[in-house]
PDB file of N, CA and C in Angstrom:
ATOM      1  N   GLN A   1      12.595   3.393 -19.730  1.00  0.00           N
ATOM      2  CA  GLN A   1      11.834   4.328 -18.836  1.00  0.00           C
ATOM      3  C   GLN A   1      11.931   3.446 -17.145  1.00  0.00           C
ATOM      4  N   VAL A   2      12.341   4.119 -16.524  1.00  0.00           N
ATOM      5  CA  VAL A   2      11.711   3.778 -15.311  1.00  0.00           C
ATOM      6  C   VAL A   2      10.645   4.058 -14.773  1.00  0.00           C
ATOM      7  N   GLN A   3       9.576   2.513 -13.838  1.00  0.00           N
ATOM      8  CA  GLN A   3       8.440   3.483 -13.531  1.00  0.00           C
ATOM      9  C   GLN A   3       8.145   2.467 -12.044  1.00  0.00           C
ATOM     10  N   LEU A   4       7.807   3.324 -11.193  1.00  0.00           N
ATOM     11  CA  LEU A   4       7.253   2.429 -10.083  1.00  0.00           C
ATOM     12  C   LEU A   4       5.434   1.951 -10.463  1.00  0.00           C
ATOM     13  N   VAL A   5       5.259   1.005  -9.806  1.00  0.00           N
ATOM     14  CA  VAL A   5       4.014   0.453 -10.401  1.00  0.00           C
ATOM     15  C   VAL A   5       3.176  -0.445  -8.928  1.00  0.00           C
ATOM     16  N   GLU A   6       1.934   0.310  -8.396  1.00  0.00           N
ATOM     17  CA  GLU A   6       1.526  -0.080  -6.822  1.00  0.00           C
ATOM     18  C   GLU A   6       0.279  -0.900  -6.815  1.00  0.00           C
ATOM     19  N   SER A   7       0.492  -1.638  -6.366  1.00  0.00           N
ATOM     20  CA  SER A   7      -1.093  -2.629  -6.319  1.00  0.00           C
ATOM     21  C   SER A   7      -1.686  -3.135  -4.806  1.00  0.00           C
ATOM     22  N   GLY A   8      -2.531  -3.866  -4.720  1.00  0.00           N
ATOM     23  CA  GLY A   8      -2.748  -4.344  -3.950  1.00  0.00           C
ATOM     24  C   GLY A   8      -3.987  -3.329  -3.043  1.00  0.00           C
ATOM     25  N   GLY A   9      -4.490  -2.258  -3.495  1.00  0.00           N
ATOM     26  CA  GLY A   9      -5.250  -1.348  -2.276  1.00  0.00           C
ATOM     27  C   GLY A   9      -5.943  -2.258  -2.997  1.00  0.00           C
ATOM     28  N   GLY A  10      -7.383  -1.751  -2.209  1.00  0.00           N
ATOM     29  CA  GLY A  10      -8.642  -1.868  -2.497  1.00  0.00           C
ATOM     30  C   GLY A  10     -10.304  -1.787  -1.185  1.00  0.00           C
ATOM     31  N   LEU A  11     -11.026  -1.963  -0.927  1.00  0.00           N
ATOM     32  CA  LEU A  11     -12.041  -1.967   0.269  1.00  0.00           C
ATOM     33  C   LEU A  11     -11.456  -2.815   1.343  1.00  0.00           C
ATOM     34  N   VAL A  12     -11.446  -2.431   2.544  1.00  0.00           N
ATOM     35  CA  VAL A  12     -11.627  -3.433   3.208  1.00  0.00           C
ATOM     36  C   VAL A  12     -12.468  -3.123   5.174  1.00  0.00           C
ATOM     37  N   GLN A  13     -12.987  -3.609   5.386  1.00  0.00           N
ATOM     38  CA  GLN A  13     -13.473  -3.204   6.807  1.00  0.00           C
ATOM     39  C   GLN A  13     -12.485  -2.630   8.132  1.00  0.00           C
ATOM     40  N   SER A  14     -13.241  -2.007   8.867  1.00  0.00           N
ATOM     41  CA  SER A  14     -12.686  -1.603   9.547  1.00  0.00           C
ATOM     42  C   SER A  14     -11.459  -3.232  11.198  1.00  0.00           C
ATOM     43  N   GLY A  15     -10.049  -3.221  11.191  1.00  0.00           N
ATOM     44  CA  GLY A  15      -9.899  -3.778  11.516  1.00  0.00           C
ATOM     45  C   GLY A  15      -9.010  -5.014  10.989  1.00  0.00           C
ATOM     46  N   GLY A  16      -9.391  -4.679   9.265  1.00  0.00           N
ATOM     47  CA  GLY A  16      -8.698  -5.256   8.312  1.00  0.00           C
ATOM     48  C   GLY A  16      -7.539  -5.740   8.232  1.00  0.00           C
ATOM     49  N   SER A  17      -7.038  -6.211   6.635  1.00  0.00           N
ATOM     50  CA  SER A  17      -5.748  -6.481   6.319  1.00  0.00           C
ATOM     51  C   SER A  17      -6.070  -5.859   5.037  1.00  0.00           C
ATOM     52  N   LEU A  18      -4.092  -5.364   4.748  1.00  0.00           N
ATOM     53  CA  LEU A  18      -4.070  -5.229   3.733  1.00  0.00           C
ATOM     54  C   LEU A  18      -2.835  -5.393   3.219  1.00  0.00           C
ATOM     55  N   ARG A  19      -2.297  -6.054   2.121  1.00  0.00           N
ATOM     56  CA  ARG A  19      -0.854  -5.934   1.498  1.00  0.00           C
ATOM     57  C   ARG A  19      -0.739  -4.700   0.146  1.00  0.00           C
ATOM     58  N   LEU A  20       0.292  -3.815   0.232  1.00  0.00           N
ATOM     59  CA  LEU A  20       0.422  -3.098  -0.741  1.00  0.00           C
ATOM     60  C   LEU A  20       1.631  -3.585  -1.586  1.00  0.00           C
ATOM     61  N   SER A  21       1.565  -3.576  -3.028  1.00  0.00           N
ATOM     62  CA  SER A  21       3.206  -3.530  -3.694  1.00  0.00           C
ATOM     63  C   SER A  21       3.695  -2.926  -3.675  1.00  0.00           C
ATOM     64  N   CYS A  22       4.663  -2.987  -4.253  1.00  0.00           N
ATOM     65  CA  CYS A  22       5.501  -1.012  -5.262  1.00  0.00           C
ATOM     66  C   CYS A  22       6.771  -2.040  -5.864  1.00  0.00           C
ATOM     67  N   ALA A  23       6.173  -2.066  -7.463  1.00  0.00           N
ATOM     68  CA  ALA A  23       7.371  -2.809  -8.217  1.00  0.00           C
ATOM     69  C   ALA A  23       8.135  -1.626  -9.125  1.00  0.00           C
ATOM     70  N   ALA A  24       9.263  -1.905  -9.333  1.00  0.00           N
ATOM     71  CA  ALA A  24      10.221  -0.959  -9.819  1.00  0.00           C
ATOM     72  C   ALA A  24      10.821  -1.757 -11.061  1.00  0.00           C
ATOM     73  N   SER A  25      10.664  -0.857 -12.303  1.00  0.00           N
ATOM     74  CA  SER A  25      10.990  -2.054 -13.446  1.00  0.00           C
ATOM     75  C   SER A  25      11.743  -0.406 -14.260  1.00  0.00           C
ATOM     76  N   GLY A  26      11.974  -1.616 -15.683  1.00  0.00           N
ATOM     77  CA  GLY A  26      13.147  -0.547 -16.643  1.00  0.00           C
ATOM     78  C   GLY A  26      14.343  -0.597 -16.468  1.00  0.00           C
ATOM     79  N   SER A  27      15.615   0.223 -16.956  1.00  0.00           N
ATOM     80  CA  SER A  27      17.030   0.449 -16.576  1.00  0.00           C
ATOM     81  C   SER A  27      17.279   0.202 -15.277  1.00  0.00           C
ATOM     82  N   ILE A  28      17.338  -0.351 -14.447  1.00  0.00           N
ATOM     83  CA  ILE A  28      17.529  -0.266 -13.353  1.00  0.00           C
ATOM     84  C   ILE A  28      18.819  -0.322 -13.112  1.00  0.00           C
ATOM     85  N   PHE A  29      19.482   0.404 -12.250  1.00  0.00           N
ATOM     86  CA  PHE A  29      20.969   0.393 -11.916  1.00  0.00           C
ATOM     87  C   PHE A  29      21.390   0.126 -10.032  1.00  0.00           C
ATOM     88  N   LYS A  30      20.526   0.972  -9.886  1.00  0.00           N
ATOM     89  CA  LYS A  30      20.780   0.945  -8.437  1.00  0.00           C
ATOM     90  C   LYS A  30      19.161   2.005  -7.509  1.00  0.00           C
ATOM     91  N   ILE A  31      18.652   1.219  -6.221  1.00  0.00           N
ATOM     92  CA  ILE A  31      17.582   1.766  -5.800  1.00  0.00           C
ATOM     93  C   ILE A  31      17.775   1.920  -4.324  1.00  0.00           C
ATOM     94  N   GLY A  32      18.134   3.272  -4.340  1.00  0.00           N
ATOM     95  CA  GLY A  32      18.569   3.667  -3.105  1.00  0.00           C
ATOM     96  C   GLY A  32      16.767   3.330  -1.774  1.00  0.00           C
ATOM     97  N   SER A  33      16.916   4.830  -1.161  1.00  0.00           N
ATOM     98  CA  SER A  33      15.807   4.420  -0.113  1.00  0.00           C
ATOM     99  C   SER A  33      13.719   4.463  -1.424  1.00  0.00           C
ATOM    100  N   MET A  34      13.347   3.573  -0.385  1.00  0.00           N
ATOM    101  CA  MET A  34      12.088   3.582  -0.813  1.00  0.00           C
ATOM    102  C   MET A  34      10.971   3.827   0.439  1.00  0.00           C
ATOM    103  N   GLY A  35      10.052   4.311   0.066  1.00  0.00           N
ATOM    104  CA  GLY A  35       8.938   4.875   1.082  1.00  0.00           C
ATOM    105  C   GLY A  35       7.339   5.191   0.756  1.00  0.00           C
ATOM    106  N   TRP A  36       6.869   4.596   1.124  1.00  0.00           N
ATOM    107  CA  TRP A  36       5.463   4.729   1.369  1.00  0.00           C
ATOM    108  C   TRP A  36       4.989   5.888   1.533  1.00  0.00           C
ATOM    109  N   TYR A  37       3.713   6.570   0.618  1.00  0.00           N
ATOM    110  CA  TYR A  37       3.207   7.633   1.672  1.00  0.00           C
ATOM    111  C   TYR A  37       1.642   7.769   0.958  1.00  0.00           C
ATOM    112  N   HIS A  38       0.431   8.510   2.091  1.00  0.00           N
ATOM    113  CA  HIS A  38      -0.605   8.270   1.675  1.00  0.00           C
ATOM    114  C   HIS A  38      -0.996   9.806   1.347  1.00  0.00           C
ATOM    115  N   GLN A  39      -2.112  10.087   0.951  1.00  0.00           N
ATOM    116  CA  GLN A  39      -3.023  11.398   0.370  1.00  0.00           C
ATOM    117  C   GLN A  39      -4.430  11.448   0.851  1.00  0.00           C
ATOM    118  N   ALA A  40      -5.033  11.811   1.678  1.00  0.00           N
ATOM    119  CA  ALA A  40      -6.604  11.721   2.096  1.00  0.00           C
ATOM    120  C   ALA A  40      -6.861  13.109   1.421  1.00  0.00           C
ATOM    121  N   PRO A  41      -8.642  12.879   0.806  1.00  0.00           N
ATOM    122  CA  PRO A  41      -9.267  13.866   0.361  1.00  0.00           C
ATOM    123  C   PRO A  41      -9.033  14.946   0.694  1.00  0.00           C
ATOM    124  N   GLU A  42      -8.490  16.180  -0.152  1.00  0.00           N
ATOM    125  CA  GLU A  42      -8.698  17.350   0.712  1.00  0.00           C
ATOM    126  C   GLU A  42      -7.366  18.074   1.443  1.00  0.00           C
ATOM    127  N   LYS A  43      -5.974  16.713   2.153  1.00  0.00           N
ATOM    128  CA  LYS A  43      -5.295  16.947   2.563  1.00  0.00           C
ATOM    129  C   LYS A  43      -3.952  16.566   1.955  1.00  0.00           C
ATOM    130  N   GLU A  44      -2.752  16.707   2.040  1.00  0.00           N
ATOM    131  CA  GLU A  44      -1.549  16.887   1.539  1.00  0.00           C
ATOM    132  C   GLU A  44      -0.745  15.144   1.884  1.00  0.00           C
ATOM    133  N   ARG A  45       0.294  15.131   1.117  1.00  0.00           N
ATOM    134  CA  ARG A  45       0.601  13.424   0.507  1.00  0.00           C
ATOM    135  C   ARG A  45       1.526  13.688   2.087  1.00  0.00           C
ATOM    136  N   LYS A  46       1.508  12.775   2.416  1.00  0.00           N
ATOM    137  CA  LYS A  46       2.297  12.404   4.184  1.00  0.00           C
ATOM    138  C   LYS A  46       3.212  10.970   4.410  1.00  0.00           C
ATOM    139  N   LEU A  47       3.753  11.151   4.386  1.00  0.00           N
ATOM    140  CA  LEU A  47       5.155  10.123   4.995  1.00  0.00           C
ATOM    141  C   LEU A  47       4.337   9.032   5.809  1.00  0.00           C
ATOM    142  N   VAL A  48       4.357   7.890   5.282  1.00  0.00           N
ATOM    143  CA  VAL A  48       3.983   6.480   6.347  1.00  0.00           C
ATOM    144  C   VAL A  48       4.651   5.790   6.392  1.00  0.00           C
ATOM    145  N   ALA A  49       5.882   5.096   5.773  1.00  0.00           N
ATOM    146  CA  ALA A  49       6.572   4.518   5.843  1.00  0.00           C
ATOM    147  C   ALA A  49       8.269   4.732   5.336  1.00  0.00           C
ATOM    148  N   ILE A  50       9.541   4.797   5.565  1.00  0.00           N
ATOM    149  CA  ILE A  50      10.717   4.230   4.388  1.00  0.00           C
ATOM    150  C   ILE A  50      11.590   3.453   4.781  1.00  0.00           C
ATOM    151  N   ILE A  51      12.250   3.120   4.030  1.00  0.00           N
ATOM    152  CA  ILE A  51      12.620   1.902   4.176  1.00  0.00           C
ATOM    153  C   ILE A  51      14.576   2.384   2.991  1.00  0.00           C
ATOM    154  N   ASP A  52      15.634   1.830   4.007  1.00  0.00           N
ATOM    155  CA  ASP A  52      16.601   2.598   3.219  1.00  0.00           C
ATOM    156  C   ASP A  52      17.592   1.322   2.570  1.00  0.00           C
ATOM    157  N   SER A  53      18.300   1.138   2.077  1.00  0.00           N
ATOM    158  CA  SER A  53      18.810   0.158   0.610  1.00  0.00           C
ATOM    159  C   SER A  53      19.301  -1.205   1.947  1.00  0.00           C
ATOM    160  N   GLY A  54      19.606  -0.439   3.035  1.00  0.00           N
ATOM    161  CA  GLY A  54      19.670  -1.822   4.042  1.00  0.00           C
ATOM    162  C   GLY A  54      18.924  -2.275   4.717  1.00  0.00           C
ATOM    163  N   GLY A  55      18.108  -2.012   4.652  1.00  0.00           N
ATOM    164  CA  GLY A  55      16.552  -2.210   5.234  1.00  0.00           C
ATOM    165  C   GLY A  55      16.250  -1.958   6.462  1.00  0.00           C
ATOM    166  N   GLY A  56      17.242  -0.593   6.862  1.00  0.00           N
ATOM    167  CA  GLY A  56      16.744   0.334   8.198  1.00  0.00           C
ATOM    168  C   GLY A  56      15.052   1.191   7.769  1.00  0.00           C
ATOM    169  N   THR A  57      14.335   1.258   8.615  1.00  0.00           N
ATOM    170  CA  THR A  57      13.241   1.884   8.576  1.00  0.00           C
ATOM    171  C   THR A  57      12.723   2.558   9.206  1.00  0.00           C
ATOM    172  N   SER A  58      11.401   3.324   8.970  1.00  0.00           N
ATOM    173  CA  SER A  58      11.199   4.454  10.416  1.00  0.00           C
ATOM    174  C   SER A  58       9.856   4.434   9.284  1.00  0.00           C
ATOM    175  N   TYR A  59       9.038   4.835  10.718  1.00  0.00           N
ATOM    176  CA  TYR A  59       7.449   4.973  10.681  1.00  0.00           C
ATOM    177  C   TYR A  59       6.881   6.189  11.247  1.00  0.00           C
ATOM    178  N   ASP A  60       5.534   6.586  10.741  1.00  0.00           N
ATOM    179  CA  ASP A  60       5.046   7.559  11.100  1.00  0.00           C
ATOM    180  C   ASP A  60       4.135   6.863  12.330  1.00  0.00           C
ATOM    181  N   ASP A  61       4.110   7.858  13.523  1.00  0.00           N
ATOM    182  CA  ASP A  61       3.651   7.665  14.585  1.00  0.00           C
ATOM    183  C   ASP A  61       1.876   6.836  14.267  1.00  0.00           C
ATOM    184  N   SER A  62       1.343   7.519  13.636  1.00  0.00           N
ATOM    185  CA  SER A  62      -0.164   7.104  13.704  1.00  0.00           C
ATOM    186  C   SER A  62       0.213   5.155  13.068  1.00  0.00           C
ATOM    187  N   VAL A  63       0.962   4.642  12.616  1.00  0.00           N
ATOM    188  CA  VAL A  63       1.137   3.550  11.893  1.00  0.00           C
ATOM    189  C   VAL A  63       1.784   2.593  12.353  1.00  0.00           C
ATOM    190  N   LYS A  64       2.550   2.987  13.386  1.00  0.00           N
ATOM    191  CA  LYS A  64       3.569   2.143  14.230  1.00  0.00           C
ATOM    192  C   LYS A  64       3.009   1.537  14.809  1.00  0.00           C
ATOM    193  N   GLY A  65       3.403  -0.363  15.005  1.00  0.00           N
ATOM    194  CA  GLY A  65       2.315  -1.461  14.924  1.00  0.00           C
ATOM    195  C   GLY A  65       2.063  -1.530  14.534  1.00  0.00           C
ATOM    196  N   ARG A  66       1.319  -0.887  13.159  1.00  0.00           N
ATOM    197  CA  ARG A  66       0.236  -1.499  12.790  1.00  0.00           C
ATOM    198  C   ARG A  66       0.494  -2.393  11.201  1.00  0.00           C
ATOM    199  N   PHE A  67       1.754  -1.421  10.651  1.00  0.00           N
ATOM    200  CA  PHE A  67       2.160  -1.578   9.193  1.00  0.00           C
ATOM    201  C   PHE A  67       3.489  -1.925   9.413  1.00  0.00           C
ATOM    202  N   THR A  68       3.896  -2.508   8.438  1.00  0.00           N
ATOM    203  CA  THR A  68       5.161  -2.985   8.347  1.00  0.00           C
ATOM    204  C   THR A  68       5.755  -2.770   6.992  1.00  0.00           C
ATOM    205  N   ILE A  69       6.947  -2.009   6.824  1.00  0.00           N
ATOM    206  CA  ILE A  69       7.321  -1.785   5.478  1.00  0.00           C
ATOM    207  C   ILE A  69       8.497  -2.607   5.571  1.00  0.00           C
ATOM    208  N   SER A  70       8.725  -2.969   3.788  1.00  0.00           N
ATOM    209  CA  SER A  70       9.876  -4.258   3.585  1.00  0.00           C
ATOM    210  C   SER A  70      10.013  -4.313   2.525  1.00  0.00           C
ATOM    211  N   ARG A  71      11.226  -4.563   1.612  1.00  0.00           N
ATOM    212  CA  ARG A  71      11.706  -4.498   0.296  1.00  0.00           C
ATOM    213  C   ARG A  71      12.678  -5.868  -0.104  1.00  0.00           C
ATOM    214  N   ASP A  72      12.072  -6.415  -1.341  1.00  0.00           N
ATOM    215  CA  ASP A  72      12.884  -7.344  -1.459  1.00  0.00           C
ATOM    216  C   ASP A  72      13.806  -6.637  -3.139  1.00  0.00           C
ATOM    217  N   ASN A  73      14.852  -6.495  -2.354  1.00  0.00           N
ATOM    218  CA  ASN A  73      16.108  -6.176  -3.253  1.00  0.00           C
ATOM    219  C   ASN A  73      16.404  -6.968  -4.914  1.00  0.00           C
ATOM    220  N   GLY A  74      15.926  -8.344  -4.577  1.00  0.00           N
ATOM    221  CA  GLY A  74      16.342  -9.204  -5.968  1.00  0.00           C
ATOM    222  C   GLY A  74      14.799  -9.255  -6.769  1.00  0.00           C
ATOM    223  N   LYS A  75      13.750  -8.816  -6.136  1.00  0.00           N
ATOM    224  CA  LYS A  75      12.663  -7.944  -7.306  1.00  0.00           C
ATOM    225  C   LYS A  75      12.559  -6.825  -7.478  1.00  0.00           C
ATOM    226  N   ASN A  76      13.014  -5.986  -6.867  1.00  0.00           N
ATOM    227  CA  ASN A  76      13.138  -4.640  -7.311  1.00  0.00           C
ATOM    228  C   ASN A  76      11.729  -4.211  -6.712  1.00  0.00           C
ATOM    229  N   THR A  77      11.231  -4.879  -5.237  1.00  0.00           N
ATOM    230  CA  THR A  77      10.006  -4.978  -4.976  1.00  0.00           C
ATOM    231  C   THR A  77       9.698  -4.196  -3.735  1.00  0.00           C
ATOM    232  N   MET A  78       8.953  -3.379  -3.031  1.00  0.00           N
ATOM    233  CA  MET A  78       8.984  -2.920  -1.983  1.00  0.00           C
ATOM    234  C   MET A  78       7.088  -3.338  -1.200  1.00  0.00           C
ATOM    235  N   TYR A  79       7.295  -3.716   0.005  1.00  0.00           N
ATOM    236  CA  TYR A  79       5.840  -4.136   0.395  1.00  0.00           C
ATOM    237  C   TYR A  79       5.462  -2.920   1.730  1.00  0.00           C
ATOM    238  N   LEU A  80       3.881  -3.027   1.638  1.00  0.00           N
ATOM    239  CA  LEU A  80       3.076  -2.430   2.775  1.00  0.00           C
ATOM    240  C   LEU A  80       2.286  -3.359   3.089  1.00  0.00           C
ATOM    241  N   GLN A  81       2.737  -3.625   4.452  1.00  0.00           N
ATOM    242  CA  GLN A  81       1.578  -5.054   4.934  1.00  0.00           C
ATOM    243  C   GLN A  81       0.856  -3.960   6.189  1.00  0.00           C
ATOM    244  N   MET A  82      -0.116  -3.591   5.584  1.00  0.00           N
ATOM    245  CA  MET A  82      -1.048  -2.849   6.733  1.00  0.00           C
ATOM    246  C   MET A  82      -2.036  -3.837   7.301  1.00  0.00           C
ATOM    247  N   ASN A  83      -1.997  -4.059   9.090  1.00  0.00           N
ATOM    248  CA  ASN A  83      -3.072  -3.969   9.169  1.00  0.00           C
ATOM    249  C   ASN A  83      -3.938  -3.536  10.382  1.00  0.00           C
ATOM    250  N   SER A  84      -4.377  -4.272  11.141  1.00  0.00           N
ATOM    251  CA  SER A  84      -6.202  -3.150  12.125  1.00  0.00           C
ATOM    252  C   SER A  84      -6.152  -1.846  11.568  1.00  0.00           C
ATOM    253  N   LEU A  85      -6.487  -2.011  10.335  1.00  0.00           N
ATOM    254  CA  LEU A  85      -6.398  -0.911   9.564  1.00  0.00           C
ATOM    255  C   LEU A  85      -7.783  -0.138   9.905  1.00  0.00           C
ATOM    256  N   LYS A  86      -8.026   1.344   9.861  1.00  0.00           N
ATOM    257  CA  LYS A  86      -8.859   2.482  10.784  1.00  0.00           C
ATOM    258  C   LYS A  86      -9.386   2.780   9.754  1.00  0.00           C
ATOM    259  N   PRO A  87     -10.267   3.480   9.685  1.00  0.00           N
ATOM    260  CA  PRO A  87     -10.907   4.056   8.219  1.00  0.00           C
ATOM    261  C   PRO A  87     -10.305   5.654   8.479  1.00  0.00           C
ATOM    262  N   GLU A  88      -9.696   6.133   9.161  1.00  0.00           N
ATOM    263  CA  GLU A  88      -8.708   7.064   9.412  1.00  0.00           C
ATOM    264  C   GLU A  88      -7.662   6.841   7.873  1.00  0.00           C
ATOM    265  N   ASP A  89      -7.394   5.661   7.868  1.00  0.00           N
ATOM    266  CA  ASP A  89      -6.202   5.650   6.971  1.00  0.00           C
ATOM    267  C   ASP A  89      -6.452   4.944   5.373  1.00  0.00           C
ATOM    268  N   THR A  90      -7.990   5.604   5.910  1.00  0.00           N
ATOM    269  CA  THR A  90      -8.164   5.796   3.849  1.00  0.00           C
ATOM    270  C   THR A  90      -7.522   6.752   3.502  1.00  0.00           C
ATOM    271  N   ALA A  91      -7.083   6.514   2.142  1.00  0.00           N
ATOM    272  CA  ALA A  91      -6.132   7.120   1.264  1.00  0.00           C
ATOM    273  C   ALA A  91      -6.019   7.202  -0.083  1.00  0.00           C
ATOM    274  N   VAL A  92      -5.121   7.683  -1.174  1.00  0.00           N
ATOM    275  CA  VAL A  92      -4.684   6.969  -2.008  1.00  0.00           C
ATOM    276  C   VAL A  92      -2.894   6.467  -1.299  1.00  0.00           C
ATOM    277  N   TYR A  93      -2.582   5.832  -1.786  1.00  0.00           N
ATOM    278  CA  TYR A  93      -1.011   5.476  -1.339  1.00  0.00           C
ATOM    279  C   TYR A  93      -0.218   5.519  -2.391  1.00  0.00           C
ATOM    280  N   TYR A  94       0.866   6.532  -2.244  1.00  0.00           N
ATOM    281  CA  TYR A  94       1.733   6.156  -3.156  1.00  0.00           C
ATOM    282  C   TYR A  94       3.379   5.873  -3.172  1.00  0.00           C
ATOM    283  N   CYS A  95       4.440   4.958  -3.517  1.00  0.00           N
ATOM    284  CA  CYS A  95       5.144   4.747  -3.052  1.00  0.00           C
ATOM    285  C   CYS A  95       6.303   5.636  -4.181  1.00  0.00           C
ATOM    286  N   GLN A  96       7.400   5.811  -3.482  1.00  0.00           N
ATOM    287  CA  GLN A  96       8.670   7.089  -3.834  1.00  0.00           C
ATOM    288  C   GLN A  96       9.529   6.170  -3.404  1.00  0.00           C
ATOM    289  N   ALA A  97      10.781   6.516  -4.174  1.00  0.00           N
ATOM    290  CA  ALA A  97      11.853   5.764  -4.709  1.00  0.00           C
ATOM    291  C   ALA A  97      12.975   6.851  -5.262  1.00  0.00           C
ATOM    292  N   ILE A  98      14.709   6.300  -4.669  1.00  0.00           N
ATOM    293  CA  ILE A  98      15.461   7.162  -5.507  1.00  0.00           C
ATOM    294  C   ILE A  98      16.196   5.568  -6.568  1.00  0.00           C
ATOM    295  N   ILE A  99      15.655   5.937  -7.854  1.00  0.00           N
ATOM    296  CA  ILE A  99      15.819   4.845  -8.743  1.00  0.00           C
ATOM    297  C   ILE A  99      17.221   5.699  -9.539  1.00  0.00           C
ATOM    298  N   ASN A 100      18.431   5.002  -9.531  1.00  0.00           N
ATOM    299  CA  ASN A 100      20.275   5.592 -10.380  1.00  0.00           C
ATOM    300  C   ASN A 100      19.478   7.167 -10.567  1.00  0.00           C
ATOM    301  N   GLY A 101      19.696   7.551  -9.076  1.00  0.00           N
ATOM    302  CA  GLY A 101      19.812   8.470  -8.619  1.00  0.00           C
ATOM    303  C   GLY A 101      18.665   9.807  -9.056  1.00  0.00           C
ATOM    304  N   GLN A 102      17.746   9.209  -8.986  1.00  0.00           N
ATOM    305  CA  GLN A 102      16.248  10.130  -9.694  1.00  0.00           C
ATOM    306  C   GLN A 102      15.721   9.590  -8.927  1.00  0.00           C
ATOM    307  N   LEU A 103      14.677  10.539  -8.437  1.00  0.00           N
ATOM    308  CA  LEU A 103      13.451  10.662  -7.103  1.00  0.00           C
ATOM    309  C   LEU A 103      12.380   9.798  -8.388  1.00  0.00           C
ATOM    310  N   LYS A 104      11.648   8.928  -8.543  1.00  0.00           N
ATOM    311  CA  LYS A 104      10.553   8.322  -8.869  1.00  0.00           C
ATOM    312  C   LYS A 104       8.871   8.364  -8.075  1.00  0.00           C
ATOM    313  N   TRP A 105       8.245   8.504  -8.105  1.00  0.00           N
ATOM    314  CA  TRP A 105       6.658   8.030  -8.400  1.00  0.00           C
ATOM    315  C   TRP A 105       5.935   7.154  -8.529  1.00  0.00           C
ATOM    316  N   GLY A 106       4.865   6.452  -7.833  1.00  0.00           N
ATOM    317  CA  GLY A 106       4.092   5.416  -8.490  1.00  0.00           C
ATOM    318  C   GLY A 106       2.755   6.449  -8.660  1.00  0.00           C
ATOM    319  N   GLN A 107       1.765   5.927  -9.933  1.00  0.00           N
ATOM    320  CA  GLN A 107       0.821   6.476  -9.541  1.00  0.00           C
ATOM    321  C   GLN A 107      -0.306   6.199  -8.700  1.00  0.00           C
ATOM    322  N   GLY A 108      -0.294   5.022  -7.536  1.00  0.00           N
ATOM    323  CA  GLY A 108      -0.953   5.692  -6.631  1.00  0.00           C
ATOM    324  C   GLY A 108      -2.218   3.992  -6.641  1.00  0.00           C
ATOM    325  N   THR A 109      -2.615   3.660  -5.801  1.00  0.00           N
ATOM    326  CA  THR A 109      -3.344   2.800  -4.986  1.00  0.00           C
ATOM    327  C   THR A 109      -4.723   3.149  -4.129  1.00  0.00           C
ATOM    328  N   GLN A 110      -5.840   3.365  -4.160  1.00  0.00           N
ATOM    329  CA  GLN A 110      -6.641   3.734  -3.240  1.00  0.00           C
ATOM    330  C   GLN A 110      -6.817   2.153  -2.317  1.00  0.00           C
ATOM    331  N   VAL A 111      -6.499   3.185  -1.004  1.00  0.00           N
ATOM    332  CA  VAL A 111      -7.695   2.015  -0.023  1.00  0.00           C
ATOM    333  C   VAL A 111      -8.181   3.037   0.576  1.00  0.00           C
ATOM    334  N   THR A 112      -9.872   2.259   0.796  1.00  0.00           N
ATOM    335  CA  THR A 112     -10.718   2.172   1.237  1.00  0.00           C
ATOM    336  C   THR A 112     -11.123   1.636   2.749  1.00  0.00           C
ATOM    337  N   VAL A 113     -11.251   2.477   4.225  1.00  0.00           N
ATOM    338  CA  VAL A 113     -11.922   1.531   5.050  1.00  0.00           C
ATOM    339  C   VAL A 113     -13.048   1.771   6.029  1.00  0.00           C
ATOM    340  N   SER A 114     -13.265   1.004   5.115  1.00  0.00           N
ATOM    341  CA  SER A 114     -14.903   0.938   6.116  1.00  0.00           C
ATOM    342  C   SER A 114     -14.652   0.828   7.422  1.00  0.00           C
ATOM    343  N   SER A 115     -15.923   1.460   8.166  1.00  0.00           N
ATOM    344  CA  SER A 115     -16.197   1.858   9.306  1.00  0.00           C
ATOM    345  C   SER A 115     -17.199   0.514   9.975  1.00  0.00           C
TER     346      SER A 115
END
């Protein structure tokens, strides 16, 4: 059973930093694109950043210059370094990945930024 597990969320003051991790486990043959999404209360889930298997990245305009997505293929793990956090970044953050040709989601980790 392949699964994704996020960690690293928490409460931080405005201007602070957090680093999220997303670890894939199970019988893994291939991991394609991986991405981070967030969902604020009463809002739709939204793409934050994506990284392909070759390391190419893309970001939502709202996080460009503040967030950095990366991956360690040897550890089957993806990261999101979040700097200069703002209250509007408050949301549940989910990781997504294409693993063995199937779309997988993690369970989510809460990020709360206080003003």
